[in-house]
Amino acid sequence: MMVFLVLIIVKVAGRSQERPEGLEDLLEPDYEVNLLTPNEYSRPGIALDKVNGIVIHYTANPGSSAVANRDYFESLSISHETMASSHFIIGLDGEVVQCIPTAEISYASNDRNDDTISIECCHPDETGEFTEQTYDSLVQTTAWLCVKFDLTTKDVIRHYDVTGKDCPRYFVQNEGAWKKFKKDVDKYINEVGDKL
């Protein structure tokens, strides 16, 4: 009876307890750690109590690089223009820059800042569609974070799902592309897991 109850709780929670040991390490992407200076406008240093989700964004700044977007977040400590940041930024060539430790909040997802990890993605034009390199890095980074924080793709959402904002534009305006992305994350986790 007790074992049966435990299995039900695991299933209801939507978490995968069957992932092989070492999967997180295999999924981890190459990324540059270039943390923002602690400040109240982009890196407040507030701890995340628990990570319950991953939020996908787009920069809404066509043609910009991951480093340029990271530097914009850093500049907010001086300009005080707004409060904004993200844990990770993925560039046009697939490069990944970490701006905020995953143990701290970022200013990216409104009332979900306190329980989510945010990923901003660069894009070449106004459609918001990601390059193949950006997309591939997003799949890998999302897969890694899902395993790292014991999440599933049910816990991966768009900024749109929090606020109704047209972000990330391509995934909001192309629901099929959003569903495919989540399937690609699951497929990537399973394919890497099968190698263990």
N, C-alpha and C. Protein backbone atom coordinates (compact mmCIF):
# COMPACT_ATOMS: atom_id res chain seq x y z
N MET A 1 0.83 -1.19 0.00
CA MET A 1 0.00 0.00 0.00
C MET A 1 0.87 1.25 0.00
N MET A 2 1.89 1.28 0.83
CA MET A 2 2.77 2.45 0.93
C MET A 2 3.51 2.69 -0.39
N VAL A 3 4.03 1.64 -1.01
CA VAL A 3 4.73 1.77 -2.29
C VAL A 3 3.80 2.32 -3.34
N PHE A 4 2.58 1.84 -3.38
CA PHE A 4 1.58 2.31 -4.34
C PHE A 4 1.34 3.81 -4.19
N LEU A 5 1.23 4.29 -2.96
CA LEU A 5 1.02 5.73 -2.72
C LEU A 5 2.21 6.55 -3.19
N VAL A 6 3.41 6.07 -2.94
CA VAL A 6 4.61 6.79 -3.37
C VAL A 6 4.64 6.91 -4.89
N LEU A 7 4.32 5.84 -5.60
CA LEU A 7 4.30 5.88 -7.06
C LEU A 7 3.26 6.86 -7.57
N ILE A 8 2.11 6.94 -6.95
CA ILE A 8 1.08 7.89 -7.36
C ILE A 8 1.58 9.32 -7.15
N ILE A 9 2.22 9.58 -6.04
CA ILE A 9 2.72 10.93 -5.76
C ILE A 9 3.75 11.34 -6.81
N VAL A 10 4.65 10.44 -7.16
CA VAL A 10 5.66 10.74 -8.18
C VAL A 10 4.99 11.03 -9.51
N LYS A 11 4.02 10.24 -9.89
CA LYS A 11 3.34 10.44 -11.16
C LYS A 11 2.57 11.76 -11.19
N VAL A 12 1.86 12.07 -10.11
CA VAL A 12 1.10 13.33 -10.04
C VAL A 12 2.02 14.52 -10.12
N ALA A 13 3.16 14.43 -9.46
CA ALA A 13 4.11 15.54 -9.46
C ALA A 13 4.69 15.76 -10.85
N GLY A 14 4.61 14.77 -11.73
CA GLY A 14 5.10 14.93 -13.10
C GLY A 14 6.61 14.90 -13.20
N ARG A 15 7.27 14.39 -12.21
CA ARG A 15 8.72 14.34 -12.20
C ARG A 15 9.21 12.97 -12.64
N SER A 16 10.34 12.92 -13.26
CA SER A 16 10.90 11.65 -13.70
C SER A 16 11.92 11.18 -12.69
N GLN A 17 11.63 10.10 -12.00
CA GLN A 17 12.57 9.51 -11.05
C GLN A 17 13.40 8.42 -11.70
N GLU A 18 13.18 8.14 -12.97
CA GLU A 18 13.82 7.04 -13.66
C GLU A 18 15.02 7.48 -14.50
N ARG A 19 15.45 8.70 -14.38
CA ARG A 19 16.56 9.19 -15.20
C ARG A 19 17.87 8.57 -14.74
N PRO A 20 18.68 8.12 -15.68
CA PRO A 20 19.93 7.46 -15.30
C PRO A 20 20.93 8.42 -14.65
N GLU A 21 21.73 7.87 -13.76
CA GLU A 21 22.77 8.65 -13.10
C GLU A 21 23.78 9.14 -14.14
N GLY A 22 24.22 10.36 -14.02
CA GLY A 22 25.19 10.93 -14.95
C GLY A 22 24.56 11.66 -16.12
N LEU A 23 23.23 11.62 -16.23
CA LEU A 23 22.56 12.26 -17.36
C LEU A 23 22.75 13.78 -17.35
N GLU A 24 22.66 14.39 -16.17
CA GLU A 24 22.83 15.84 -16.07
C GLU A 24 24.18 16.29 -16.64
N ASP A 25 25.23 15.56 -16.29
CA ASP A 25 26.57 15.92 -16.78
C ASP A 25 26.68 15.80 -18.29
N LEU A 26 26.06 14.76 -18.86
CA LEU A 26 26.11 14.57 -20.31
C LEU A 26 25.33 15.64 -21.06
N LEU A 27 24.26 16.12 -20.44
CA LEU A 27 23.41 17.12 -21.09
C LEU A 27 23.97 18.54 -20.99
N GLU A 28 24.81 18.79 -20.00
CA GLU A 28 25.29 20.15 -19.73
C GLU A 28 25.94 20.77 -20.97
N PRO A 29 25.44 21.93 -21.41
CA PRO A 29 26.02 22.58 -22.58
C PRO A 29 27.32 23.30 -22.23
N ASP A 30 28.10 23.63 -23.25
CA ASP A 30 29.22 24.54 -23.04
C ASP A 30 28.62 25.93 -22.85
N TYR A 31 29.04 26.62 -21.82
CA TYR A 31 28.54 27.98 -21.62
C TYR A 31 29.58 28.81 -20.90
N GLU A 32 29.50 30.10 -21.17
CA GLU A 32 30.41 31.06 -20.53
C GLU A 32 29.70 31.66 -19.33
N VAL A 33 30.35 31.66 -18.20
CA VAL A 33 29.79 32.31 -17.02
C VAL A 33 30.32 33.74 -17.00
N ASN A 34 29.41 34.70 -17.17
CA ASN A 34 29.76 36.12 -17.14
C ASN A 34 28.68 36.82 -16.32
N LEU A 35 28.75 36.61 -15.01
CA LEU A 35 27.70 37.06 -14.11
C LEU A 35 27.62 38.58 -14.03
N LEU A 36 26.39 39.05 -13.91
CA LEU A 36 26.15 40.48 -13.72
C LEU A 36 26.64 40.88 -12.34
N THR A 37 27.06 42.13 -12.21
CA THR A 37 27.42 42.68 -10.91
C THR A 37 26.16 42.79 -10.07
N PRO A 38 26.18 42.34 -8.82
CA PRO A 38 24.98 42.48 -8.00
C PRO A 38 24.51 43.94 -7.92
N ASN A 39 23.23 44.13 -8.23
CA ASN A 39 22.62 45.47 -8.19
C ASN A 39 21.11 45.30 -8.20
N GLU A 40 20.39 46.32 -7.80
CA GLU A 40 18.93 46.19 -7.66
C GLU A 40 18.17 46.22 -8.98
N TYR A 41 18.83 46.53 -10.10
CA TYR A 41 18.13 46.64 -11.38
C TYR A 41 18.23 45.40 -12.28
N SER A 42 19.27 44.58 -12.06
CA SER A 42 19.37 43.38 -12.91
C SER A 42 19.82 42.12 -12.17
N ARG A 43 20.50 42.26 -11.06
CA ARG A 43 20.87 41.09 -10.26
C ARG A 43 20.71 41.40 -8.78
N PRO A 44 19.48 41.26 -8.28
CA PRO A 44 19.21 41.66 -6.90
C PRO A 44 19.79 40.72 -5.85
N GLY A 45 20.24 39.53 -6.25
CA GLY A 45 20.84 38.61 -5.28
C GLY A 45 19.82 37.92 -4.39
N ILE A 46 18.56 37.91 -4.78
CA ILE A 46 17.51 37.25 -4.01
C ILE A 46 17.51 35.76 -4.35
N ALA A 47 17.52 34.93 -3.33
CA ALA A 47 17.58 33.48 -3.55
C ALA A 47 16.27 32.93 -4.10
N LEU A 48 16.38 31.96 -5.00
CA LEU A 48 15.23 31.18 -5.44
C LEU A 48 14.98 30.11 -4.38
N ASP A 49 13.75 30.01 -3.90
CA ASP A 49 13.43 28.97 -2.93
C ASP A 49 13.45 27.59 -3.57
N LYS A 50 12.85 27.50 -4.75
CA LYS A 50 12.75 26.23 -5.48
C LYS A 50 12.52 26.56 -6.94
N VAL A 51 13.10 25.79 -7.83
CA VAL A 51 12.88 25.99 -9.26
C VAL A 51 11.72 25.09 -9.68
N ASN A 52 10.63 25.73 -10.10
CA ASN A 52 9.43 25.01 -10.53
C ASN A 52 9.21 25.07 -12.04
N GLY A 53 10.06 25.82 -12.75
CA GLY A 53 9.86 25.92 -14.19
C GLY A 53 10.99 26.63 -14.89
N ILE A 54 10.93 26.55 -16.21
CA ILE A 54 11.88 27.22 -17.09
C ILE A 54 11.06 28.08 -18.04
N VAL A 55 11.43 29.35 -18.17
CA VAL A 55 10.69 30.26 -19.03
C VAL A 55 11.56 30.65 -20.22
N ILE A 56 10.99 30.48 -21.42
CA ILE A 56 11.70 30.80 -22.66
C ILE A 56 11.28 32.18 -23.14
N HIS A 57 12.27 32.99 -23.54
CA HIS A 57 12.06 34.36 -23.99
C HIS A 57 12.80 34.58 -25.32
N TYR A 58 12.50 35.69 -25.97
CA TYR A 58 13.34 36.16 -27.07
C TYR A 58 13.72 37.59 -26.75
N THR A 59 14.84 38.05 -27.30
CA THR A 59 15.36 39.36 -26.90
C THR A 59 14.55 40.54 -27.43
N ALA A 60 13.79 40.33 -28.51
CA ALA A 60 13.05 41.42 -29.17
C ALA A 60 14.01 42.51 -29.65
N ASN A 61 15.22 42.10 -29.97
CA ASN A 61 16.27 43.00 -30.42
C ASN A 61 17.00 42.30 -31.58
N PRO A 62 16.37 42.29 -32.78
CA PRO A 62 16.90 41.49 -33.91
C PRO A 62 18.37 41.76 -34.20
N GLY A 63 19.11 40.66 -34.43
CA GLY A 63 20.51 40.76 -34.83
C GLY A 63 21.49 40.99 -33.70
N SER A 64 21.00 41.20 -32.48
CA SER A 64 21.91 41.46 -31.37
C SER A 64 22.55 40.16 -30.89
N SER A 65 23.67 40.29 -30.20
CA SER A 65 24.42 39.13 -29.73
C SER A 65 24.10 38.82 -28.28
N ALA A 66 24.50 37.65 -27.84
CA ALA A 66 24.32 37.28 -26.43
C ALA A 66 25.10 38.24 -25.54
N VAL A 67 26.33 38.56 -25.92
CA VAL A 67 27.16 39.46 -25.11
C VAL A 67 26.55 40.86 -25.05
N ALA A 68 26.03 41.36 -26.17
CA ALA A 68 25.40 42.69 -26.18
C ALA A 68 24.20 42.74 -25.24
N ASN A 69 23.40 41.66 -25.22
CA ASN A 69 22.25 41.63 -24.32
C ASN A 69 22.68 41.51 -22.87
N ARG A 70 23.72 40.73 -22.61
CA ARG A 70 24.26 40.63 -21.26
C ARG A 70 24.77 42.01 -20.79
N ASP A 71 25.47 42.71 -21.69
CA ASP A 71 26.00 44.02 -21.34
C ASP A 71 24.89 45.05 -21.12
N TYR A 72 23.78 44.90 -21.86
CA TYR A 72 22.62 45.77 -21.62
C TYR A 72 22.09 45.56 -20.20
N PHE A 73 21.95 44.30 -19.79
CA PHE A 73 21.49 44.02 -18.43
C PHE A 73 22.45 44.63 -17.41
N GLU A 74 23.74 44.51 -17.67
CA GLU A 74 24.75 45.07 -16.76
C GLU A 74 24.62 46.60 -16.68
N SER A 75 24.33 47.25 -17.81
CA SER A 75 24.24 48.72 -17.85
C SER A 75 23.08 49.26 -17.04
N LEU A 76 22.10 48.43 -16.76
CA LEU A 76 20.94 48.90 -15.99
C LEU A 76 21.31 49.31 -14.58
N SER A 77 22.42 48.78 -14.08
CA SER A 77 22.88 49.18 -12.74
C SER A 77 23.29 50.65 -12.71
N ILE A 78 23.60 51.19 -13.89
CA ILE A 78 23.99 52.60 -14.00
C ILE A 78 22.84 53.46 -14.49
N SER A 79 22.14 52.98 -15.54
CA SER A 79 21.08 53.79 -16.15
C SER A 79 19.78 53.81 -15.35
N HIS A 80 19.53 52.75 -14.59
CA HIS A 80 18.29 52.62 -13.81
C HIS A 80 17.05 52.72 -14.70
N GLU A 81 17.22 52.41 -15.97
CA GLU A 81 16.17 52.53 -16.98
C GLU A 81 14.98 51.61 -16.70
N THR A 82 15.27 50.39 -16.27
CA THR A 82 14.24 49.41 -15.97
C THR A 82 14.88 48.30 -15.17
N MET A 83 14.08 47.33 -14.76
CA MET A 83 14.61 46.14 -14.08
C MET A 83 14.46 44.98 -15.05
N ALA A 84 15.58 44.39 -15.47
CA ALA A 84 15.53 43.30 -16.44
C ALA A 84 16.81 42.48 -16.37
N SER A 85 16.66 41.18 -16.63
CA SER A 85 17.81 40.27 -16.72
C SER A 85 17.30 38.89 -17.07
N SER A 86 18.22 37.96 -17.20
CA SER A 86 17.89 36.57 -17.50
C SER A 86 19.03 35.70 -16.98
N HIS A 87 18.72 34.47 -16.63
CA HIS A 87 19.77 33.56 -16.17
C HIS A 87 20.75 33.24 -17.29
N PHE A 88 20.20 32.94 -18.47
CA PHE A 88 21.02 32.56 -19.62
C PHE A 88 20.58 33.34 -20.85
N ILE A 89 21.54 33.60 -21.74
CA ILE A 89 21.25 34.18 -23.06
C ILE A 89 21.94 33.29 -24.09
N ILE A 90 21.17 32.94 -25.12
CA ILE A 90 21.72 32.12 -26.20
C ILE A 90 21.86 33.00 -27.44
N GLY A 91 23.06 33.03 -28.01
CA GLY A 91 23.36 33.90 -29.15
C GLY A 91 23.01 33.28 -30.49
N LEU A 92 23.21 34.06 -31.54
CA LEU A 92 22.88 33.66 -32.91
C LEU A 92 23.70 32.46 -33.39
N ASP A 93 24.89 32.28 -32.84
CA ASP A 93 25.74 31.15 -33.22
C ASP A 93 25.63 30.00 -32.23
N GLY A 94 24.66 30.08 -31.32
CA GLY A 94 24.45 29.02 -30.36
C GLY A 94 25.25 29.14 -29.08
N GLU A 95 26.05 30.21 -28.96
CA GLU A 95 26.82 30.40 -27.74
C GLU A 95 25.87 30.70 -26.57
N VAL A 96 26.22 30.20 -25.38
CA VAL A 96 25.38 30.37 -24.20
C VAL A 96 26.17 31.16 -23.16
N VAL A 97 25.55 32.23 -22.65
CA VAL A 97 26.17 33.05 -21.61
C VAL A 97 25.27 33.01 -20.37
N GLN A 98 25.86 32.68 -19.24
CA GLN A 98 25.11 32.71 -17.99
C GLN A 98 25.35 34.06 -17.31
N CYS A 99 24.26 34.75 -16.98
CA CYS A 99 24.33 36.08 -16.36
C CYS A 99 23.98 36.08 -14.88
N ILE A 100 23.14 35.14 -14.47
CA ILE A 100 22.66 35.07 -13.09
C ILE A 100 22.83 33.62 -12.61
N PRO A 101 23.32 33.41 -11.40
CA PRO A 101 23.40 32.04 -10.88
C PRO A 101 21.99 31.42 -10.80
N THR A 102 21.88 30.12 -11.01
CA THR A 102 20.56 29.48 -10.98
C THR A 102 19.98 29.41 -9.57
N ALA A 103 20.73 29.83 -8.57
CA ALA A 103 20.22 29.87 -7.20
C ALA A 103 19.58 31.23 -6.87
N GLU A 104 19.64 32.17 -7.83
CA GLU A 104 19.09 33.53 -7.61
C GLU A 104 17.99 33.81 -8.63
N ILE A 105 17.13 34.78 -8.30
CA ILE A 105 16.09 35.19 -9.24
C ILE A 105 16.69 36.10 -10.31
N SER A 106 16.03 36.12 -11.46
CA SER A 106 16.32 37.13 -12.49
C SER A 106 15.06 37.94 -12.67
N TYR A 107 15.19 39.11 -13.31
CA TYR A 107 14.03 39.95 -13.60
C TYR A 107 13.60 39.71 -15.04
N ALA A 108 12.88 38.60 -15.27
CA ALA A 108 12.51 38.25 -16.64
C ALA A 108 11.06 37.83 -16.79
N SER A 109 10.49 37.24 -15.76
CA SER A 109 9.21 36.55 -15.93
C SER A 109 8.12 37.03 -14.96
N ASN A 110 8.18 38.30 -14.61
CA ASN A 110 7.13 38.92 -13.82
C ASN A 110 6.86 38.15 -12.53
N ASP A 111 5.62 37.72 -12.31
CA ASP A 111 5.31 37.07 -11.03
C ASP A 111 5.80 35.62 -10.95
N ARG A 112 6.55 35.17 -11.95
CA ARG A 112 7.20 33.85 -11.88
C ARG A 112 8.71 34.00 -11.69
N ASN A 113 9.19 35.21 -11.44
CA ASN A 113 10.62 35.40 -11.21
C ASN A 113 11.13 34.56 -10.04
N ASP A 114 10.28 34.35 -9.04
CA ASP A 114 10.76 33.73 -7.80
C ASP A 114 10.83 32.20 -7.85
N ASP A 115 10.35 31.58 -8.96
CA ASP A 115 10.42 30.11 -8.99
C ASP A 115 10.78 29.54 -10.36
N THR A 116 11.39 30.37 -11.22
CA THR A 116 11.74 29.89 -12.56
C THR A 116 13.15 30.31 -12.96
N ILE A 117 13.70 29.57 -13.91
CA ILE A 117 14.96 29.91 -14.58
C ILE A 117 14.58 30.46 -15.95
N SER A 118 15.16 31.58 -16.34
CA SER A 118 14.84 32.21 -17.62
C SER A 118 15.97 32.06 -18.63
N ILE A 119 15.55 31.82 -19.89
CA ILE A 119 16.50 31.73 -21.00
C ILE A 119 16.06 32.72 -22.08
N GLU A 120 16.90 33.70 -22.37
CA GLU A 120 16.66 34.66 -23.46
C GLU A 120 17.36 34.13 -24.71
N CYS A 121 16.71 34.28 -25.85
CA CYS A 121 17.31 33.82 -27.11
C CYS A 121 17.42 34.96 -28.12
N CYS A 122 18.58 35.08 -28.72
CA CYS A 122 18.78 36.04 -29.79
C CYS A 122 18.12 35.51 -31.07
N HIS A 123 17.82 36.41 -31.98
CA HIS A 123 17.15 36.05 -33.23
C HIS A 123 17.56 37.04 -34.31
N PRO A 124 17.61 36.60 -35.57
CA PRO A 124 18.15 37.47 -36.63
C PRO A 124 17.20 38.54 -37.16
N ASP A 125 15.87 38.34 -37.01
CA ASP A 125 14.95 39.30 -37.62
C ASP A 125 13.67 39.45 -36.80
N GLU A 126 12.75 40.26 -37.32
CA GLU A 126 11.52 40.60 -36.60
C GLU A 126 10.58 39.42 -36.37
N THR A 127 10.73 38.33 -37.15
CA THR A 127 9.84 37.18 -36.95
C THR A 127 10.08 36.52 -35.60
N GLY A 128 11.29 36.70 -35.07
CA GLY A 128 11.64 36.06 -33.80
C GLY A 128 12.06 34.61 -33.94
N GLU A 129 12.10 34.11 -35.18
CA GLU A 129 12.52 32.72 -35.37
C GLU A 129 14.01 32.60 -35.08
N PHE A 130 14.38 31.57 -34.36
CA PHE A 130 15.77 31.38 -33.98
C PHE A 130 16.57 30.72 -35.10
N THR A 131 17.87 31.01 -35.14
CA THR A 131 18.74 30.30 -36.06
C THR A 131 18.79 28.84 -35.63
N GLU A 132 19.26 27.99 -36.51
CA GLU A 132 19.39 26.56 -36.17
C GLU A 132 20.33 26.37 -34.98
N GLN A 133 21.41 27.16 -34.95
CA GLN A 133 22.37 27.05 -33.85
C GLN A 133 21.75 27.48 -32.52
N THR A 134 20.99 28.58 -32.55
CA THR A 134 20.32 29.04 -31.34
C THR A 134 19.32 27.99 -30.87
N TYR A 135 18.54 27.48 -31.81
CA TYR A 135 17.53 26.47 -31.48
C TYR A 135 18.17 25.23 -30.85
N ASP A 136 19.23 24.73 -31.47
CA ASP A 136 19.88 23.54 -30.96
C ASP A 136 20.43 23.76 -29.54
N SER A 137 21.02 24.92 -29.31
CA SER A 137 21.53 25.23 -27.96
C SER A 137 20.38 25.40 -26.97
N LEU A 138 19.27 25.94 -27.43
CA LEU A 138 18.10 26.08 -26.55
C LEU A 138 17.56 24.71 -26.16
N VAL A 139 17.49 23.81 -27.10
CA VAL A 139 17.03 22.44 -26.80
C VAL A 139 17.96 21.81 -25.75
N GLN A 140 19.27 21.89 -25.98
CA GLN A 140 20.22 21.28 -25.06
C GLN A 140 20.18 21.94 -23.68
N THR A 141 20.16 23.26 -23.65
CA THR A 141 20.16 23.97 -22.37
C THR A 141 18.89 23.68 -21.58
N THR A 142 17.76 23.66 -22.27
CA THR A 142 16.49 23.37 -21.61
C THR A 142 16.47 21.94 -21.08
N ALA A 143 16.97 21.00 -21.89
CA ALA A 143 17.04 19.59 -21.46
C ALA A 143 17.90 19.46 -20.21
N TRP A 144 19.06 20.10 -20.22
CA TRP A 144 19.96 20.06 -19.07
C TRP A 144 19.28 20.62 -17.82
N LEU A 145 18.62 21.77 -17.95
CA LEU A 145 17.96 22.38 -16.79
C LEU A 145 16.80 21.53 -16.29
N CYS A 146 16.08 20.88 -17.21
CA CYS A 146 14.99 19.99 -16.79
C CYS A 146 15.54 18.87 -15.91
N VAL A 147 16.64 18.26 -16.33
CA VAL A 147 17.22 17.17 -15.55
C VAL A 147 17.83 17.71 -14.26
N LYS A 148 18.54 18.81 -14.34
CA LYS A 148 19.20 19.41 -13.17
C LYS A 148 18.20 19.72 -12.05
N PHE A 149 17.02 20.23 -12.44
CA PHE A 149 16.03 20.64 -11.43
C PHE A 149 14.84 19.68 -11.34
N ASP A 150 15.00 18.49 -11.90
CA ASP A 150 13.97 17.45 -11.83
C ASP A 150 12.62 17.96 -12.35
N LEU A 151 12.66 18.54 -13.55
CA LEU A 151 11.47 19.06 -14.20
C LEU A 151 11.17 18.24 -15.45
N THR A 152 9.99 18.43 -16.00
CA THR A 152 9.64 17.84 -17.29
C THR A 152 9.30 18.99 -18.23
N THR A 153 9.04 18.68 -19.49
CA THR A 153 8.69 19.74 -20.43
C THR A 153 7.32 20.36 -20.12
N LYS A 154 6.55 19.74 -19.26
CA LYS A 154 5.31 20.38 -18.79
C LYS A 154 5.62 21.63 -17.97
N ASP A 155 6.85 21.66 -17.42
CA ASP A 155 7.28 22.80 -16.60
C ASP A 155 8.01 23.86 -17.42
N VAL A 156 8.11 23.66 -18.73
CA VAL A 156 8.75 24.63 -19.62
C VAL A 156 7.65 25.47 -20.26
N ILE A 157 7.74 26.78 -20.05
CA ILE A 157 6.70 27.68 -20.52
C ILE A 157 7.30 28.86 -21.27
N ARG A 158 6.43 29.60 -21.94
CA ARG A 158 6.83 30.83 -22.62
C ARG A 158 6.52 32.01 -21.71
N HIS A 159 7.22 33.11 -21.91
CA HIS A 159 6.88 34.35 -21.21
C HIS A 159 5.40 34.66 -21.44
N TYR A 160 4.93 34.39 -22.64
CA TYR A 160 3.52 34.56 -23.01
C TYR A 160 2.58 33.85 -22.05
N ASP A 161 2.98 32.66 -21.58
CA ASP A 161 2.13 31.88 -20.69
C ASP A 161 2.01 32.50 -19.31
N VAL A 162 2.91 33.42 -18.98
CA VAL A 162 2.87 34.11 -17.69
C VAL A 162 2.07 35.41 -17.80
N THR A 163 2.32 36.17 -18.88
CA THR A 163 1.76 37.53 -18.97
C THR A 163 0.90 37.80 -20.19
N GLY A 164 0.93 36.91 -21.19
CA GLY A 164 0.24 37.18 -22.45
C GLY A 164 1.07 38.01 -23.41
N LYS A 165 2.31 38.32 -23.02
CA LYS A 165 3.22 39.09 -23.88
C LYS A 165 3.63 38.25 -25.10
N ASP A 166 3.82 38.88 -26.22
CA ASP A 166 4.21 38.20 -27.47
C ASP A 166 5.69 37.80 -27.40
N CYS A 167 5.99 36.86 -26.50
CA CYS A 167 7.37 36.48 -26.22
C CYS A 167 7.41 35.02 -25.76
N PRO A 168 8.24 34.23 -26.41
CA PRO A 168 9.04 34.49 -27.59
C PRO A 168 8.15 34.49 -28.84
N ARG A 169 8.24 35.54 -29.59
CA ARG A 169 7.29 35.80 -30.69
C ARG A 169 7.05 34.59 -31.60
N TYR A 170 8.11 33.96 -32.07
CA TYR A 170 7.92 32.88 -33.04
C TYR A 170 7.14 31.72 -32.42
N PHE A 171 7.43 31.41 -31.16
CA PHE A 171 6.73 30.32 -30.49
C PHE A 171 5.31 30.70 -30.09
N VAL A 172 5.03 31.98 -29.94
CA VAL A 172 3.66 32.42 -29.65
C VAL A 172 2.82 32.38 -30.92
N GLN A 173 3.40 32.86 -32.01
CA GLN A 173 2.65 32.95 -33.26
C GLN A 173 2.63 31.64 -34.04
N ASN A 174 3.42 30.67 -33.62
CA ASN A 174 3.49 29.36 -34.28
C ASN A 174 3.39 28.27 -33.22
N GLU A 175 2.18 27.99 -32.79
CA GLU A 175 1.95 27.01 -31.72
C GLU A 175 2.58 25.65 -32.05
N GLY A 176 2.54 25.27 -33.34
CA GLY A 176 3.15 24.00 -33.75
C GLY A 176 4.65 23.97 -33.49
N ALA A 177 5.31 25.11 -33.70
CA ALA A 177 6.76 25.19 -33.46
C ALA A 177 7.05 25.05 -31.96
N TRP A 178 6.18 25.61 -31.13
CA TRP A 178 6.34 25.49 -29.67
C TRP A 178 6.20 24.03 -29.23
N LYS A 179 5.19 23.36 -29.75
CA LYS A 179 4.98 21.95 -29.40
C LYS A 179 6.16 21.10 -29.89
N LYS A 180 6.65 21.40 -31.09
CA LYS A 180 7.80 20.67 -31.63
C LYS A 180 9.03 20.88 -30.75
N PHE A 181 9.25 22.11 -30.30
CA PHE A 181 10.38 22.40 -29.43
C PHE A 181 10.34 21.52 -28.17
N LYS A 182 9.18 21.44 -27.54
CA LYS A 182 9.08 20.64 -26.33
C LYS A 182 9.31 19.15 -26.62
N LYS A 183 8.83 18.69 -27.76
CA LYS A 183 9.09 17.30 -28.16
C LYS A 183 10.57 17.08 -28.42
N ASP A 184 11.23 18.08 -29.02
CA ASP A 184 12.66 17.97 -29.29
C ASP A 184 13.47 17.92 -28.00
N VAL A 185 13.02 18.64 -26.97
CA VAL A 185 13.70 18.58 -25.67
C VAL A 185 13.56 17.18 -25.08
N ASP A 186 12.35 16.64 -25.11
CA ASP A 186 12.13 15.27 -24.60
C ASP A 186 12.97 14.26 -25.38
N LYS A 187 12.97 14.40 -26.69
CA LYS A 187 13.73 13.48 -27.55
C LYS A 187 15.22 13.55 -27.22
N TYR A 188 15.73 14.76 -27.03
CA TYR A 188 17.15 14.94 -26.72
C TYR A 188 17.50 14.28 -25.39
N ILE A 189 16.66 14.48 -24.37
CA ILE A 189 16.90 13.86 -23.06
C ILE A 189 16.93 12.33 -23.22
N ASN A 190 15.96 11.79 -23.94
CA ASN A 190 15.88 10.34 -24.11
C ASN A 190 17.06 9.79 -24.90
N GLU A 191 17.46 10.48 -25.97
CA GLU A 191 18.57 10.00 -26.79
C GLU A 191 19.88 10.00 -26.00
N VAL A 192 20.12 11.07 -25.24
CA VAL A 192 21.34 11.12 -24.43
C VAL A 192 21.27 10.08 -23.33
N GLY A 193 20.10 9.93 -22.71
CA GLY A 193 19.91 8.94 -21.66
C GLY A 193 20.15 7.52 -22.12
N ASP A 194 19.77 7.24 -23.38
CA ASP A 194 19.96 5.90 -23.93
C ASP A 194 21.43 5.53 -24.09
N LYS A 195 22.31 6.52 -24.08
CA LYS A 195 23.74 6.27 -24.22
C LYS A 195 24.38 5.82 -22.91
N LEU A 196 23.66 6.00 -21.82
CA LEU A 196 24.21 5.62 -20.50
C LEU A 196 23.99 4.15 -20.20
